[in-house]
């Protein structure tokens, strides 16, 4: 792939808002033609839509997709949930003790379906990364008729014995980011240095740009904690994954500290006929040299749905 994808032949919409019946408001953006194959991109914990890099979105549009990226609730420009959480509740959930979550992964999946409804789409190919992979898996389980194909990236099944997080990450993840732009950026770079792909160059300039953009779009520490509670209280989806019939692709890095590769392996083992793509030296991020590999794999999986 070239250093940057040519965007001149791809239509890019302005950011818009979808008001869902639940009261949640989601901010979204599209790439490509509405007549192309719809592809919904679902980002992970604390990640707004700009974490799906514009260059990757353009590349996917050039592969024949109508690409939709959006901010989950509690991220970016989407609405904030009023549910209250505390450090104590977060610790209880991390230890596997019962807590009352403000919302669940299933609720976040319903948000995604609400966005498809807003766009007038009966179904779509769905790609989810990290927590987004959990949401995408839940979408495929709950409403399989609306998911044409599923791509689960650096995610897991919900079973606690797989896809675990390196314990060295927790203090940094729940630590305060600071009240201003520069403090947030410094803390963000610290996280990315811990979880990024060791086999690919660490692009500090690009991460600084994305960090500033993320802060300017709106960040919420308590929103991230609400999402963490949803992740920590999710059910084990292994049995339900075995019933999936649509084409499924699982992508995971072999150097992922945030979600151990056992999560990806277990997801692929659970889904009959799934494809498992393990990438050496990939961590918990999307290195630009892998964009073409990822876009081609997503296209290949969508083509399997058409063939079927």
C-alpha atoms as a PDB file:
ATOM      1  CA  UNK A   1       0.000   0.000   0.000  1.00  0.00           C
ATOM      2  CA  UNK A   2       1.178   3.529  -0.692  1.00  0.00           C
ATOM      3  CA  UNK A   3       2.133   5.808   2.168  1.00  0.00           C
ATOM      4  CA  UNK A   4      -1.344   7.350   2.090  1.00  0.00           C
ATOM      5  CA  UNK A   5      -4.476   6.210   0.287  1.00  0.00           C
ATOM      6  CA  UNK A   6      -5.752   8.438  -2.512  1.00  0.00           C
ATOM      7  CA  UNK A   7      -9.006   9.923  -1.214  1.00  0.00           C
ATOM      8  CA  UNK A   8      -9.906  11.785  -4.403  1.00  0.00           C
ATOM      9  CA  UNK A   9     -12.278   9.074  -5.652  1.00  0.00           C
ATOM     10  CA  UNK A  10     -14.014   8.395  -2.321  1.00  0.00           C
ATOM     11  CA  UNK A  11     -17.036  10.344  -1.063  1.00  0.00           C
ATOM     12  CA  UNK A  12     -16.656  11.363   2.589  1.00  0.00           C
ATOM     13  CA  UNK A  13     -19.681  12.678   4.480  1.00  0.00           C
ATOM     14  CA  UNK A  14     -19.782  15.323   7.161  1.00  0.00           C
ATOM     15  CA  UNK A  15     -20.301  14.027  10.688  1.00  0.00           C
ATOM     16  CA  UNK A  16     -23.991  13.532  11.475  1.00  0.00           C
ATOM     17  CA  UNK A  17     -26.088  12.433  14.441  1.00  0.00           C
ATOM     18  CA  UNK A  18     -28.545   9.562  14.850  1.00  0.00           C
ATOM     19  CA  UNK A  19     -31.130   9.956  17.624  1.00  0.00           C
ATOM     20  CA  UNK A  20     -32.117   6.457  18.763  1.00  0.00           C
ATOM     21  CA  UNK A  21     -35.437   5.454  20.386  1.00  0.00           C
ATOM     22  CA  UNK A  22     -33.495   4.658  23.585  1.00  0.00           C
ATOM     23  CA  UNK A  23     -32.536   8.304  23.924  1.00  0.00           C
ATOM     24  CA  UNK A  24     -28.916   7.668  22.962  1.00  0.00           C
ATOM     25  CA  UNK A  25     -27.490   9.985  20.301  1.00  0.00           C
ATOM     26  CA  UNK A  26     -24.657   8.635  18.150  1.00  0.00           C
ATOM     27  CA  UNK A  27     -22.281  10.674  16.032  1.00  0.00           C
ATOM     28  CA  UNK A  28     -21.273   8.969  12.784  1.00  0.00           C
ATOM     29  CA  UNK A  29     -19.567   9.494   9.429  1.00  0.00           C
ATOM     30  CA  UNK A  30     -19.578   7.576   6.147  1.00  0.00           C
ATOM     31  CA  UNK A  31     -17.092   6.863   3.353  1.00  0.00           C
ATOM     32  CA  UNK A  32     -17.970   5.665  -0.136  1.00  0.00           C
ATOM     33  CA  UNK A  33     -21.223   5.259  -2.010  1.00  0.00           C
ATOM     34  CA  UNK A  34     -24.458   4.268  -0.216  1.00  0.00           C
ATOM     35  CA  UNK A  35     -25.089   1.677  -2.938  1.00  0.00           C
ATOM     36  CA  UNK A  36     -21.891  -0.220  -2.009  1.00  0.00           C
ATOM     37  CA  UNK A  37     -21.745  -3.064   0.527  1.00  0.00           C
ATOM     38  CA  UNK A  38     -22.499  -1.557   3.960  1.00  0.00           C
ATOM     39  CA  UNK A  39     -19.656  -1.996   6.458  1.00  0.00           C
ATOM     40  CA  UNK A  40     -20.087  -0.943  10.083  1.00  0.00           C
ATOM     41  CA  UNK A  41     -16.893  -0.266  12.071  1.00  0.00           C
ATOM     42  CA  UNK A  42     -17.220  -0.623  15.860  1.00  0.00           C
ATOM     43  CA  UNK A  43     -14.380   0.744  17.994  1.00  0.00           C
ATOM     44  CA  UNK A  44     -13.231  -0.375  21.419  1.00  0.00           C
ATOM     45  CA  UNK A  45     -12.864   0.935  24.952  1.00  0.00           C
ATOM     46  CA  UNK A  46     -12.764   4.733  25.088  1.00  0.00           C
ATOM     47  CA  UNK A  47     -12.196   4.882  21.359  1.00  0.00           C
ATOM     48  CA  UNK A  48     -14.036   7.459  19.243  1.00  0.00           C
ATOM     49  CA  UNK A  49     -14.553   7.051  15.519  1.00  0.00           C
ATOM     50  CA  UNK A  50     -11.239   8.712  14.603  1.00  0.00           C
ATOM     51  CA  UNK A  51      -9.431   5.646  15.975  1.00  0.00           C
ATOM     52  CA  UNK A  52     -10.609   4.045  12.734  1.00  0.00           C
ATOM     53  CA  UNK A  53      -8.022   5.956  10.754  1.00  0.00           C
ATOM     54  CA  UNK A  54      -9.354   7.902   7.764  1.00  0.00           C
ATOM     55  CA  UNK A  55      -6.782   6.233   5.526  1.00  0.00           C
ATOM     56  CA  UNK A  56      -8.056   2.773   6.488  1.00  0.00           C
ATOM     57  CA  UNK A  57     -11.677   3.862   5.969  1.00  0.00           C
ATOM     58  CA  UNK A  58     -10.823   5.195   2.508  1.00  0.00           C
ATOM     59  CA  UNK A  59      -8.998   1.974   1.663  1.00  0.00           C
ATOM     60  CA  UNK A  60     -12.066  -0.065   2.692  1.00  0.00           C
ATOM     61  CA  UNK A  61     -14.304   2.192   0.597  1.00  0.00           C
ATOM     62  CA  UNK A  62     -12.010   1.588  -2.362  1.00  0.00           C
ATOM     63  CA  UNK A  63     -12.544  -2.145  -1.782  1.00  0.00           C
ATOM     64  CA  UNK A  64     -16.244  -1.651  -2.532  1.00  0.00           C
ATOM     65  CA  UNK A  65     -17.715  -0.831   0.884  1.00  0.00           C
ATOM     66  CA  UNK A  66     -20.015   1.897   2.152  1.00  0.00           C
ATOM     67  CA  UNK A  67     -18.052   2.457   5.363  1.00  0.00           C
ATOM     68  CA  UNK A  68     -19.743   3.704   8.536  1.00  0.00           C
ATOM     69  CA  UNK A  69     -17.702   4.694  11.571  1.00  0.00           C
ATOM     70  CA  UNK A  70     -19.210   6.122  14.740  1.00  0.00           C
ATOM     71  CA  UNK A  71     -18.652   7.125  18.348  1.00  0.00           C
ATOM     72  CA  UNK A  72     -20.035   4.607  20.848  1.00  0.00           C
ATOM     73  CA  UNK A  73     -22.021   6.166  23.670  1.00  0.00           C
ATOM     74  CA  UNK A  74     -19.670   7.723  26.230  1.00  0.00           C
ATOM     75  CA  UNK A  75     -17.058   8.535  23.576  1.00  0.00           C
ATOM     76  CA  UNK A  76     -16.400  11.409  21.220  1.00  0.00           C
ATOM     77  CA  UNK A  77     -19.428  13.467  20.275  1.00  0.00           C
ATOM     78  CA  UNK A  78     -22.015  10.817  21.147  1.00  0.00           C
ATOM     79  CA  UNK A  79     -24.179  11.186  24.241  1.00  0.00           C
ATOM     80  CA  UNK A  80     -22.978  10.445  27.767  1.00  0.00           C
ATOM     81  CA  UNK A  81     -24.779   7.892  29.900  1.00  0.00           C
ATOM     82  CA  UNK A  82     -26.016   9.164  33.290  1.00  0.00           C
ATOM     83  CA  UNK A  83     -25.096   5.945  35.148  1.00  0.00           C
ATOM     84  CA  UNK A  84     -22.711   6.435  38.066  1.00  0.00           C
ATOM     85  CA  UNK A  85     -19.641   4.302  38.744  1.00  0.00           C
ATOM     86  CA  UNK A  86     -16.749   4.429  41.197  1.00  0.00           C
ATOM     87  CA  UNK A  87     -13.273   2.975  41.532  1.00  0.00           C
ATOM     88  CA  UNK A  88     -14.643   0.537  44.139  1.00  0.00           C
ATOM     89  CA  UNK A  89     -17.312  -0.763  41.741  1.00  0.00           C
ATOM     90  CA  UNK A  90     -14.691  -1.107  39.011  1.00  0.00           C
ATOM     91  CA  UNK A  91     -12.420  -3.147  41.294  1.00  0.00           C
ATOM     92  CA  UNK A  92     -15.335  -5.397  42.319  1.00  0.00           C
ATOM     93  CA  UNK A  93     -16.160  -6.031  38.662  1.00  0.00           C
ATOM     94  CA  UNK A  94     -12.491  -6.729  37.879  1.00  0.00           C
ATOM     95  CA  UNK A  95     -12.477  -9.350  40.645  1.00  0.00           C
ATOM     96  CA  UNK A  96     -15.576 -11.000  39.156  1.00  0.00           C
ATOM     97  CA  UNK A  97     -17.929  -9.933  41.935  1.00  0.00           C
ATOM     98  CA  UNK A  98     -21.509  -8.926  41.096  1.00  0.00           C
ATOM     99  CA  UNK A  99     -22.077  -5.250  40.323  1.00  0.00           C
ATOM    100  CA  UNK A 100     -24.867  -3.298  38.691  1.00  0.00           C
ATOM    101  CA  UNK A 101     -23.604  -2.057  35.336  1.00  0.00           C
ATOM    102  CA  UNK A 102     -24.980   1.198  33.886  1.00  0.00           C
ATOM    103  CA  UNK A 103     -25.296  -0.651  30.558  1.00  0.00           C
ATOM    104  CA  UNK A 104     -24.136  -3.872  28.944  1.00  0.00           C
ATOM    105  CA  UNK A 105     -22.331  -4.985  25.806  1.00  0.00           C
ATOM    106  CA  UNK A 106     -25.789  -6.034  24.541  1.00  0.00           C
ATOM    107  CA  UNK A 107     -26.990  -2.439  25.022  1.00  0.00           C
ATOM    108  CA  UNK A 108     -24.058  -1.188  22.959  1.00  0.00           C
ATOM    109  CA  UNK A 109     -24.985  -3.741  20.272  1.00  0.00           C
ATOM    110  CA  UNK A 110     -28.522  -2.336  20.262  1.00  0.00           C
ATOM    111  CA  UNK A 111     -27.035   1.128  19.752  1.00  0.00           C
ATOM    112  CA  UNK A 112     -25.305  -0.188  16.630  1.00  0.00           C
ATOM    113  CA  UNK A 113     -28.524  -1.688  15.304  1.00  0.00           C
ATOM    114  CA  UNK A 114     -30.220   1.629  15.982  1.00  0.00           C
ATOM    115  CA  UNK A 115     -27.628   3.370  13.803  1.00  0.00           C
ATOM    116  CA  UNK A 116     -28.276   0.874  10.985  1.00  0.00           C
ATOM    117  CA  UNK A 117     -32.009   1.589  11.346  1.00  0.00           C
ATOM    118  CA  UNK A 118     -31.322   5.319  11.141  1.00  0.00           C
ATOM    119  CA  UNK A 119     -29.403   4.756   7.899  1.00  0.00           C
ATOM    120  CA  UNK A 120     -32.148   2.544   6.485  1.00  0.00           C
ATOM    121  CA  UNK A 121     -29.915  -0.527   6.374  1.00  0.00           C
ATOM    122  CA  UNK A 122     -31.482  -3.927   7.011  1.00  0.00           C
ATOM    123  CA  UNK A 123     -28.065  -5.571   7.404  1.00  0.00           C
ATOM    124  CA  UNK A 124     -24.343  -4.865   7.148  1.00  0.00           C
ATOM    125  CA  UNK A 125     -20.926  -6.433   7.314  1.00  0.00           C
ATOM    126  CA  UNK A 126     -19.659  -5.699  10.830  1.00  0.00           C
ATOM    127  CA  UNK A 127     -16.055  -5.193  11.951  1.00  0.00           C
ATOM    128  CA  UNK A 128     -15.263  -4.703  15.632  1.00  0.00           C
ATOM    129  CA  UNK A 129     -11.977  -4.031  17.396  1.00  0.00           C
ATOM    130  CA  UNK A 130     -11.313  -4.961  21.048  1.00  0.00           C
ATOM    131  CA  UNK A 131     -14.501  -4.023  22.966  1.00  0.00           C
ATOM    132  CA  UNK A 132     -15.939  -3.350  19.515  1.00  0.00           C
ATOM    133  CA  UNK A 133     -15.278  -6.996  18.677  1.00  0.00           C
ATOM    134  CA  UNK A 134     -17.353  -7.986  21.716  1.00  0.00           C
ATOM    135  CA  UNK A 135     -20.140  -5.709  20.489  1.00  0.00           C
ATOM    136  CA  UNK A 136     -19.873  -7.094  16.952  1.00  0.00           C
ATOM    137  CA  UNK A 137     -19.988 -10.697  18.209  1.00  0.00           C
ATOM    138  CA  UNK A 138     -23.074  -9.850  20.272  1.00  0.00           C
ATOM    139  CA  UNK A 139     -24.734  -8.300  17.222  1.00  0.00           C
ATOM    140  CA  UNK A 140     -24.117 -11.493  15.224  1.00  0.00           C
ATOM    141  CA  UNK A 141     -25.508 -13.646  18.043  1.00  0.00           C
ATOM    142  CA  UNK A 142     -28.560 -11.528  18.847  1.00  0.00           C
ATOM    143  CA  UNK A 143     -29.650 -10.680  15.292  1.00  0.00           C
ATOM    144  CA  UNK A 144     -27.790 -12.879  12.827  1.00  0.00           C
ATOM    145  CA  UNK A 145     -30.105 -11.859   9.984  1.00  0.00           C
ATOM    146  CA  UNK A 146     -28.702  -8.324  10.212  1.00  0.00           C
ATOM    147  CA  UNK A 147     -24.987  -9.249  10.152  1.00  0.00           C
ATOM    148  CA  UNK A 148     -23.783 -10.317   6.699  1.00  0.00           C
ATOM    149  CA  UNK A 149     -20.278 -11.141   7.885  1.00  0.00           C
ATOM    150  CA  UNK A 150     -18.361 -10.649  11.116  1.00  0.00           C
ATOM    151  CA  UNK A 151     -14.750  -9.598  11.576  1.00  0.00           C
ATOM    152  CA  UNK A 152     -13.552  -9.664  15.195  1.00  0.00           C
ATOM    153  CA  UNK A 153     -10.191  -7.973  15.716  1.00  0.00           C
ATOM    154  CA  UNK A 154      -8.034  -8.198  18.892  1.00  0.00           C
ATOM    155  CA  UNK A 155     -11.065  -9.297  20.909  1.00  0.00           C
ATOM    156  CA  UNK A 156     -12.309 -12.264  22.929  1.00  0.00           C
ATOM    157  CA  UNK A 157     -15.317 -14.435  23.764  1.00  0.00           C
ATOM    158  CA  UNK A 158     -16.086 -13.047  27.216  1.00  0.00           C
ATOM    159  CA  UNK A 159     -14.701 -16.116  28.954  1.00  0.00           C
ATOM    160  CA  UNK A 160     -12.411 -14.947  31.742  1.00  0.00           C
ATOM    161  CA  UNK A 161      -9.863 -17.710  31.249  1.00  0.00           C
ATOM    162  CA  UNK A 162      -8.932 -16.408  27.775  1.00  0.00           C
ATOM    163  CA  UNK A 163      -8.089 -13.026  26.314  1.00  0.00           C
ATOM    164  CA  UNK A 164      -6.786 -11.743  29.621  1.00  0.00           C
ATOM    165  CA  UNK A 165      -5.144  -8.378  30.082  1.00  0.00           C
ATOM    166  CA  UNK A 166      -1.564  -7.988  31.181  1.00  0.00           C
ATOM    167  CA  UNK A 167      -1.718  -6.853  34.841  1.00  0.00           C
ATOM    168  CA  UNK A 168       0.913  -4.186  34.197  1.00  0.00           C
ATOM    169  CA  UNK A 169      -1.682  -2.213  32.212  1.00  0.00           C
ATOM    170  CA  UNK A 170      -4.435  -1.683  34.795  1.00  0.00           C
ATOM    171  CA  UNK A 171      -2.878   1.168  36.837  1.00  0.00           C
ATOM    172  CA  UNK A 172      -2.224   3.131  33.660  1.00  0.00           C
ATOM    173  CA  UNK A 173      -5.642   2.439  32.148  1.00  0.00           C
ATOM    174  CA  UNK A 174      -7.629   3.646  35.153  1.00  0.00           C
ATOM    175  CA  UNK A 175      -5.242   6.458  36.023  1.00  0.00           C
ATOM    176  CA  UNK A 176      -6.294  10.047  35.574  1.00  0.00           C
ATOM    177  CA  UNK A 177      -5.551  11.670  32.234  1.00  0.00           C
ATOM    178  CA  UNK A 178      -5.357  15.206  33.628  1.00  0.00           C
ATOM    179  CA  UNK A 179      -7.752  18.091  33.046  1.00  0.00           C
ATOM    180  CA  UNK A 180      -6.134  19.718  30.028  1.00  0.00           C
ATOM    181  CA  UNK A 181      -5.179  18.797  26.492  1.00  0.00           C
ATOM    182  CA  UNK A 182      -1.442  18.309  27.072  1.00  0.00           C
ATOM    183  CA  UNK A 183      -1.918  16.216  30.216  1.00  0.00           C
ATOM    184  CA  UNK A 184      -4.350  13.979  28.345  1.00  0.00           C
ATOM    185  CA  UNK A 185      -1.897  13.630  25.476  1.00  0.00           C
ATOM    186  CA  UNK A 186       0.981  12.649  27.776  1.00  0.00           C
ATOM    187  CA  UNK A 187      -1.121   9.971  29.488  1.00  0.00           C
ATOM    188  CA  UNK A 188      -2.462   8.726  26.161  1.00  0.00           C
ATOM    189  CA  UNK A 189       1.026   8.315  24.717  1.00  0.00           C
ATOM    190  CA  UNK A 190       2.017   6.346  27.830  1.00  0.00           C
ATOM    191  CA  UNK A 191      -0.817   3.879  27.188  1.00  0.00           C
ATOM    192  CA  UNK A 192      -0.031   3.497  23.490  1.00  0.00           C
ATOM    193  CA  UNK A 193       3.632   2.843  24.234  1.00  0.00           C
ATOM    194  CA  UNK A 194       2.545  -0.069  26.433  1.00  0.00           C
ATOM    195  CA  UNK A 195       0.083  -1.670  24.018  1.00  0.00           C
ATOM    196  CA  UNK A 196       1.299  -0.776  20.515  1.00  0.00           C
ATOM    197  CA  UNK A 197       2.814  -3.267  18.099  1.00  0.00           C
ATOM    198  CA  UNK A 198       6.487  -3.945  18.932  1.00  0.00           C
ATOM    199  CA  UNK A 199       7.220  -5.117  15.402  1.00  0.00           C
ATOM    200  CA  UNK A 200       6.231  -1.827  13.755  1.00  0.00           C
ATOM    201  CA  UNK A 201       7.629   1.702  14.157  1.00  0.00           C
ATOM    202  CA  UNK A 202       6.090   3.776  16.951  1.00  0.00           C
ATOM    203  CA  UNK A 203       4.787   6.849  15.133  1.00  0.00           C
ATOM    204  CA  UNK A 204       4.713   9.436  17.924  1.00  0.00           C
ATOM    205  CA  UNK A 205       3.794  12.280  15.578  1.00  0.00           C
ATOM    206  CA  UNK A 206       0.735  10.402  14.305  1.00  0.00           C
ATOM    207  CA  UNK A 207      -0.300   9.379  17.823  1.00  0.00           C
ATOM    208  CA  UNK A 208       0.047  12.961  19.032  1.00  0.00           C
ATOM    209  CA  UNK A 209      -2.198  14.122  16.184  1.00  0.00           C
ATOM    210  CA  UNK A 210      -4.793  11.488  17.027  1.00  0.00           C
ATOM    211  CA  UNK A 211      -4.534  12.256  20.741  1.00  0.00           C
ATOM    212  CA  UNK A 212      -5.233  15.933  20.177  1.00  0.00           C
ATOM    213  CA  UNK A 213      -8.130  15.094  17.883  1.00  0.00           C
ATOM    214  CA  UNK A 214      -9.538  12.650  20.449  1.00  0.00           C
ATOM    215  CA  UNK A 215      -9.369  15.231  23.233  1.00  0.00           C
ATOM    216  CA  UNK A 216     -10.992  17.883  21.066  1.00  0.00           C
ATOM    217  CA  UNK A 217     -13.838  15.525  20.163  1.00  0.00           C
ATOM    218  CA  UNK A 218     -14.586  15.054  23.851  1.00  0.00           C
ATOM    219  CA  UNK A 219     -13.246  12.625  26.446  1.00  0.00           C
ATOM    220  CA  UNK A 220     -14.920  11.275  29.569  1.00  0.00           C
ATOM    221  CA  UNK A 221     -12.982   9.368  32.232  1.00  0.00           C
ATOM    222  CA  UNK A 222     -16.180   8.187  33.916  1.00  0.00           C
ATOM    223  CA  UNK A 223     -17.512   7.203  30.467  1.00  0.00           C
ATOM    224  CA  UNK A 224     -14.513   4.934  29.964  1.00  0.00           C
ATOM    225  CA  UNK A 225     -15.165   3.435  33.403  1.00  0.00           C
ATOM    226  CA  UNK A 226     -18.787   2.732  32.428  1.00  0.00           C
ATOM    227  CA  UNK A 227     -17.544   0.954  29.310  1.00  0.00           C
ATOM    228  CA  UNK A 228     -15.033  -1.006  31.391  1.00  0.00           C
ATOM    229  CA  UNK A 229     -17.867  -2.199  33.642  1.00  0.00           C
ATOM    230  CA  UNK A 230     -19.742  -3.393  30.547  1.00  0.00           C
ATOM    231  CA  UNK A 231     -16.653  -5.332  29.430  1.00  0.00           C
ATOM    232  CA  UNK A 232     -16.001  -6.826  32.866  1.00  0.00           C
ATOM    233  CA  UNK A 233     -19.625  -7.968  33.298  1.00  0.00           C
ATOM    234  CA  UNK A 234     -20.087  -9.414  29.814  1.00  0.00           C
ATOM    235  CA  UNK A 235     -21.236 -13.050  29.528  1.00  0.00           C
ATOM    236  CA  UNK A 236     -19.251 -15.895  28.028  1.00  0.00           C
ATOM    237  CA  UNK A 237     -20.424 -16.050  24.392  1.00  0.00           C
ATOM    238  CA  UNK A 238     -18.642 -19.300  23.469  1.00  0.00           C
ATOM    239  CA  UNK A 239     -21.760 -21.473  23.226  1.00  0.00           C
ATOM    240  CA  UNK A 240     -23.651 -18.862  21.198  1.00  0.00           C
ATOM    241  CA  UNK A 241     -20.707 -18.305  18.861  1.00  0.00           C
ATOM    242  CA  UNK A 242     -20.862 -21.982  17.884  1.00  0.00           C
ATOM    243  CA  UNK A 243     -24.283 -21.330  16.316  1.00  0.00           C
ATOM    244  CA  UNK A 244     -23.151 -18.583  13.926  1.00  0.00           C
ATOM    245  CA  UNK A 245     -23.638 -19.311  10.245  1.00  0.00           C
ATOM    246  CA  UNK A 246     -22.314 -16.148   8.565  1.00  0.00           C
ATOM    247  CA  UNK A 247     -18.664 -15.886   7.431  1.00  0.00           C
ATOM    248  CA  UNK A 248     -16.425 -14.958  10.365  1.00  0.00           C
ATOM    249  CA  UNK A 249     -12.872 -13.638  10.341  1.00  0.00           C
ATOM    250  CA  UNK A 250     -10.793 -13.330  13.520  1.00  0.00           C
ATOM    251  CA  UNK A 251      -7.668 -11.139  13.466  1.00  0.00           C
ATOM    252  CA  UNK A 252      -5.292 -11.002  16.422  1.00  0.00           C
ATOM    253  CA  UNK A 253      -1.749  -9.880  17.077  1.00  0.00           C
ATOM    254  CA  UNK A 254       0.674 -12.292  18.676  1.00  0.00           C
ATOM    255  CA  UNK A 255       2.119  -9.461  20.802  1.00  0.00           C
ATOM    256  CA  UNK A 256      -1.174  -8.121  22.208  1.00  0.00           C
ATOM    257  CA  UNK A 257      -0.873  -7.079  25.874  1.00  0.00           C
ATOM    258  CA  UNK A 258      -4.397  -5.686  26.175  1.00  0.00           C
ATOM    259  CA  UNK A 259      -6.243  -8.819  25.016  1.00  0.00           C
ATOM    260  CA  UNK A 260      -4.105 -11.959  25.021  1.00  0.00           C
ATOM    261  CA  UNK A 261      -4.079 -13.861  21.728  1.00  0.00           C
ATOM    262  CA  UNK A 262      -5.906 -16.726  23.460  1.00  0.00           C
ATOM    263  CA  UNK A 263      -9.027 -14.553  23.109  1.00  0.00           C
ATOM    264  CA  UNK A 264      -8.747 -14.524  19.345  1.00  0.00           C
ATOM    265  CA  UNK A 265      -7.877 -18.188  19.145  1.00  0.00           C
ATOM    266  CA  UNK A 266     -10.863 -19.122  21.319  1.00  0.00           C
ATOM    267  CA  UNK A 267     -13.201 -16.985  19.214  1.00  0.00           C
ATOM    268  CA  UNK A 268     -12.077 -18.688  16.023  1.00  0.00           C
ATOM    269  CA  UNK A 269     -12.274 -22.150  17.602  1.00  0.00           C
ATOM    270  CA  UNK A 270     -15.847 -21.472  18.706  1.00  0.00           C
ATOM    271  CA  UNK A 271     -17.166 -20.442  15.271  1.00  0.00           C
ATOM    272  CA  UNK A 272     -17.436 -23.260  12.719  1.00  0.00           C
ATOM    273  CA  UNK A 273     -15.676 -22.439   9.450  1.00  0.00           C
ATOM    274  CA  UNK A 274     -14.131 -19.202  10.698  1.00  0.00           C
ATOM    275  CA  UNK A 275     -10.812 -17.864   9.433  1.00  0.00           C
ATOM    276  CA  UNK A 276      -8.100 -17.045  11.971  1.00  0.00           C
ATOM    277  CA  UNK A 277      -5.465 -14.522  10.917  1.00  0.00           C
ATOM    278  CA  UNK A 278      -2.647 -14.236  13.477  1.00  0.00           C
ATOM    279  CA  UNK A 279      -0.131 -11.452  12.848  1.00  0.00           C
ATOM    280  CA  UNK A 280       3.371 -11.638  14.227  1.00  0.00           C
ATOM    281  CA  UNK A 281       4.585  -8.620  16.263  1.00  0.00           C
ATOM    282  CA  UNK A 282       1.150  -6.937  16.164  1.00  0.00           C
ATOM    283  CA  UNK A 283      -0.041  -5.507  19.461  1.00  0.00           C
ATOM    284  CA  UNK A 284      -3.305  -3.797  20.354  1.00  0.00           C
ATOM    285  CA  UNK A 285      -3.349  -1.212  17.580  1.00  0.00           C
ATOM    286  CA  UNK A 286      -3.552  -0.798  13.818  1.00  0.00           C
ATOM    287  CA  UNK A 287      -0.084  -0.191  12.352  1.00  0.00           C
ATOM    288  CA  UNK A 288      -0.332   1.493   8.958  1.00  0.00           C
ATOM    289  CA  UNK A 289       1.755  -1.194   7.201  1.00  0.00           C
ATOM    290  CA  UNK A 290      -1.080  -3.640   8.043  1.00  0.00           C
ATOM    291  CA  UNK A 291      -3.922  -1.577   6.561  1.00  0.00           C
ATOM    292  CA  UNK A 292      -3.809  -3.360   3.223  1.00  0.00           C
ATOM    293  CA  UNK A 293      -3.678  -6.788   4.907  1.00  0.00           C
ATOM    294  CA  UNK A 294      -6.689  -5.927   7.074  1.00  0.00           C
ATOM    295  CA  UNK A 295      -8.732  -4.367   4.253  1.00  0.00           C
ATOM    296  CA  UNK A 296      -8.082  -7.346   1.955  1.00  0.00           C
ATOM    297  CA  UNK A 297      -9.071  -9.813   4.689  1.00  0.00           C
ATOM    298  CA  UNK A 298     -12.311  -7.939   5.425  1.00  0.00           C
ATOM    299  CA  UNK A 299     -13.139  -7.877   1.708  1.00  0.00           C
ATOM    300  CA  UNK A 300     -12.385 -11.598   1.419  1.00  0.00           C
ATOM    301  CA  UNK A 301     -14.738 -12.345   4.315  1.00  0.00           C
ATOM    302  CA  UNK A 302     -17.519 -10.201   2.837  1.00  0.00           C
ATOM    303  CA  UNK A 303     -17.110 -11.984  -0.493  1.00  0.00           C
ATOM    304  CA  UNK A 304     -17.650 -15.291   1.286  1.00  0.00           C
ATOM    305  CA  UNK A 305     -21.066 -13.994   2.361  1.00  0.00           C
ATOM    306  CA  UNK A 306     -21.931 -13.142  -1.239  1.00  0.00           C
ATOM    307  CA  UNK A 307     -20.775 -16.554  -2.433  1.00  0.00           C
ATOM    308  CA  UNK A 308     -22.831 -18.306   0.232  1.00  0.00           C
END
